[in-house]
C-alpha atoms as a PDB file:
ATOM      1  CA  MET A   1      -0.056   0.027  -0.002  1.00  0.00           C
ATOM      2  CA  ILE A   2       1.370   3.409  -0.975  1.00  0.00           C
ATOM      3  CA  LEU A   3       0.698   6.443   1.159  1.00  0.00           C
ATOM      4  CA  VAL A   4       1.633  10.125   0.772  1.00  0.00           C
ATOM      5  CA  PHE A   5       2.923  11.796   3.790  1.00  0.00           C
ATOM      6  CA  ARG A   6       4.731  15.094   3.016  1.00  0.00           C
ATOM      7  CA  HIS A   7       5.915  15.939   6.510  1.00  0.00           C
ATOM      8  CA  PHE A   8       7.709  12.699   7.225  1.00  0.00           C
ATOM      9  CA  PHE A   9      10.742  13.250   5.073  1.00  0.00           C
ATOM     10  CA  TYR A  10      14.169  14.806   5.858  1.00  0.00           C
ATOM     11  CA  LYS A  11      15.931  16.856   3.152  1.00  0.00           C
ATOM     12  CA  ASN A  12      16.259  14.873  -0.172  1.00  0.00           C
ATOM     13  CA  TYR A  13      14.564  11.696   0.983  1.00  0.00           C
ATOM     14  CA  VAL A  14      11.400  11.025  -1.007  1.00  0.00           C
ATOM     15  CA  GLY A  15      10.425   7.428  -0.158  1.00  0.00           C
ATOM     16  CA  LEU A  16      10.369   5.073   2.781  1.00  0.00           C
ATOM     17  CA  SER A  17       9.238   1.484   3.373  1.00  0.00           C
ATOM     18  CA  LEU A  18       7.817   0.545   6.669  1.00  0.00           C
ATOM     19  CA  TRP A  19       6.143  -2.822   6.367  1.00  0.00           C
ATOM     20  CA  PRO A  20       3.640  -3.071   4.779  1.00  0.00           C
ATOM     21  CA  PHE A  21       3.557   0.452   3.588  1.00  0.00           C
ATOM     22  CA  ILE A  22       5.504   2.625   1.182  1.00  0.00           C
ATOM     23  CA  PHE A  23       5.419   6.316   2.203  1.00  0.00           C
ATOM     24  CA  LEU A  24       6.140   8.945  -0.474  1.00  0.00           C
ATOM     25  CA  LYS A  25       6.887  12.617  -0.101  1.00  0.00           C
ATOM     26  CA  ASN A  26       4.252  13.597  -2.769  1.00  0.00           C
ATOM     27  CA  GLY A  27       1.590  11.934  -4.855  1.00  0.00           C
ATOM     28  CA  SER A  28       3.350  12.450  -8.172  1.00  0.00           C
ATOM     29  CA  LEU A  29       6.030  10.009  -7.012  1.00  0.00           C
ATOM     30  CA  ARG A  30       3.460   7.197  -7.346  1.00  0.00           C
ATOM     31  CA  GLN A  31       4.400   7.243 -11.113  1.00  0.00           C
ATOM     32  CA  ASP A  32       8.076   6.839 -10.457  1.00  0.00           C
ATOM     33  CA  ASP A  33       8.482   3.074 -11.244  1.00  0.00           C
ATOM     34  CA  VAL A  34      12.160   3.089 -10.218  1.00  0.00           C
ATOM     35  CA  LEU A  35      11.503   4.605  -6.854  1.00  0.00           C
ATOM     36  CA  ILE A  36       8.585   2.232  -6.226  1.00  0.00           C
ATOM     37  CA  ASN A  37      10.721  -0.737  -7.229  1.00  0.00           C
ATOM     38  CA  HIS A  38      13.458   0.452  -4.875  1.00  0.00           C
ATOM     39  CA  GLU A  39      10.968   0.573  -1.980  1.00  0.00           C
ATOM     40  CA  LYS A  40       9.490  -2.844  -2.970  1.00  0.00           C
ATOM     41  CA  ILE A  41      12.932  -4.306  -2.725  1.00  0.00           C
ATOM     42  CA  HIS A  42      13.082  -2.995   0.804  1.00  0.00           C
ATOM     43  CA  LEU A  43       9.628  -4.506   1.575  1.00  0.00           C
ATOM     44  CA  ARG A  44      10.960  -7.870   0.454  1.00  0.00           C
ATOM     45  CA  GLN A  45      14.079  -7.550   2.625  1.00  0.00           C
ATOM     46  CA  GLN A  46      11.936  -6.620   5.584  1.00  0.00           C
ATOM     47  CA  GLN A  47       9.601  -9.663   4.903  1.00  0.00           C
ATOM     48  CA  GLU A  48      12.402 -12.146   4.706  1.00  0.00           C
ATOM     49  CA  LEU A  49      13.890 -10.957   7.918  1.00  0.00           C
ATOM     50  CA  LEU A  50      10.593 -11.019   9.733  1.00  0.00           C
ATOM     51  CA  ILE A  51      10.351  -7.222   9.859  1.00  0.00           C
ATOM     52  CA  LEU A  52      11.781  -6.250  13.302  1.00  0.00           C
ATOM     53  CA  PRO A  53      15.249  -7.840  12.742  1.00  0.00           C
ATOM     54  CA  PHE A  54      15.459  -5.896   9.488  1.00  0.00           C
ATOM     55  CA  TYR A  55      15.112  -2.604  11.348  1.00  0.00           C
ATOM     56  CA  MET A  56      17.606  -3.687  14.005  1.00  0.00           C
ATOM     57  CA  LEU A  57      20.164  -4.760  11.442  1.00  0.00           C
ATOM     58  CA  TYR A  58      19.519  -1.627   9.332  1.00  0.00           C
ATOM     59  CA  LEU A  59      20.176   0.621  12.272  1.00  0.00           C
ATOM     60  CA  THR A  60      23.174  -1.345  13.501  1.00  0.00           C
ATOM     61  CA  GLU A  61      24.812  -1.314  10.091  1.00  0.00           C
ATOM     62  CA  TRP A  62      24.174   2.434   9.710  1.00  0.00           C
ATOM     63  CA  LEU A  63      25.656   3.199  13.133  1.00  0.00           C
ATOM     64  CA  LEU A  64      28.673   1.068  12.476  1.00  0.00           C
ATOM     65  CA  ARG A  65      29.225   2.608   9.011  1.00  0.00           C
ATOM     66  CA  THR A  66      28.732   6.113  10.417  1.00  0.00           C
ATOM     67  CA  VAL A  67      31.557   5.511  12.781  1.00  0.00           C
ATOM     68  CA  TRP A  68      33.671   3.954  10.052  1.00  0.00           C
ATOM     69  CA  TYR A  69      33.084   6.702   7.460  1.00  0.00           C
ATOM     70  CA  LEU A  70      32.516   9.548   9.870  1.00  0.00           C
ATOM     71  CA  ASP A  71      29.705  10.578   7.580  1.00  0.00           C
ATOM     72  CA  SER A  72      26.083   9.584   8.113  1.00  0.00           C
ATOM     73  CA  TYR A  73      25.019  10.038   4.479  1.00  0.00           C
ATOM     74  CA  ARG A  74      27.940   7.936   3.198  1.00  0.00           C
ATOM     75  CA  ALA A  75      27.061   5.382   5.833  1.00  0.00           C
ATOM     76  CA  TYR A  76      23.447   5.277   4.613  1.00  0.00           C
ATOM     77  CA  GLN A  77      24.623   4.855   1.006  1.00  0.00           C
ATOM     78  CA  ASN A  78      26.722   1.782   1.996  1.00  0.00           C
ATOM     79  CA  ILE A  79      24.170  -0.091   4.049  1.00  0.00           C
ATOM     80  CA  SER A  80      23.817  -3.470   2.484  1.00  0.00           C
ATOM     81  CA  PHE A  81      20.039  -3.156   2.088  1.00  0.00           C
ATOM     82  CA  GLU A  82      20.415   0.185   0.312  1.00  0.00           C
ATOM     83  CA  ARG A  83      23.263  -1.111  -1.868  1.00  0.00           C
ATOM     84  CA  GLU A  84      21.106  -3.962  -3.145  1.00  0.00           C
ATOM     85  CA  ALA A  85      18.103  -1.700  -3.689  1.00  0.00           C
ATOM     86  CA  TYR A  86      20.128   0.944  -5.525  1.00  0.00           C
ATOM     87  CA  SER A  87      21.844  -1.777  -7.610  1.00  0.00           C
ATOM     88  CA  HIS A  88      18.661  -3.205  -8.889  1.00  0.00           C
ATOM     89  CA  GLU A  89      16.038  -0.418  -8.721  1.00  0.00           C
ATOM     90  CA  HIS A  90      16.140   0.015 -12.569  1.00  0.00           C
ATOM     91  CA  GLU A  91      15.403  -3.667 -13.044  1.00  0.00           C
ATOM     92  CA  LEU A  92      11.636  -3.737 -12.723  1.00  0.00           C
ATOM     93  CA  GLY A  93      11.492  -7.482 -12.877  1.00  0.00           C
ATOM     94  CA  TYR A  94      14.209  -7.957 -10.240  1.00  0.00           C
ATOM     95  CA  LEU A  95      11.895  -9.109  -7.453  1.00  0.00           C
ATOM     96  CA  SER A  96      10.621 -12.015  -9.612  1.00  0.00           C
ATOM     97  CA  LYS A  97      14.185 -13.479  -9.918  1.00  0.00           C
ATOM     98  CA  ARG A  98      15.717 -12.276  -6.664  1.00  0.00           C
ATOM     99  CA  LYS A  99      17.065 -15.009  -4.424  1.00  0.00           C
ATOM    100  CA  SER A 100      16.338 -14.718  -0.646  1.00  0.00           C
ATOM    101  CA  PHE A 101      18.823 -12.851   1.449  1.00  0.00           C
ATOM    102  CA  SER A 102      20.512 -11.353  -1.587  1.00  0.00           C
ATOM    103  CA  PHE A 103      21.496  -8.274   0.452  1.00  0.00           C
ATOM    104  CA  ILE A 104      24.165 -10.378   2.149  1.00  0.00           C
ATOM    105  CA  LYS A 105      26.444 -10.256  -0.813  1.00  0.00           C
ATOM    106  CA  TYR A 106      26.493  -6.428  -0.357  1.00  0.00           C
ATOM    107  CA  LEU A 107      27.436  -6.615   3.276  1.00  0.00           C
ATOM    108  CA  CYS A 108      31.209  -6.839   2.817  1.00  0.00           C
ATOM    109  CA  ARG A 109      31.729  -4.910  -0.362  1.00  0.00           C
END
């Protein structure tokens, strides 16, 4: 389910997946197939990790990478979940061929 919630977003962020919803900064983004695919990849990641562990791992990885890079945005860009989603967001059929736990191969890169 896609919901529009303008006041939820910080700076340049325009989409967010919180199981089972995709939140968008504005309604016109519903037409952005690449963004929607990116967020659907996150929903699949959340589902396979049974939701709560996804958020715990996401936050832990972000905190560790923030310390490592001394830059919170660079840390965000290098979270394994984000790396998988950004790598495949243009492949609109990616989820139909994606193997479970595919984000793991982005963990140590």
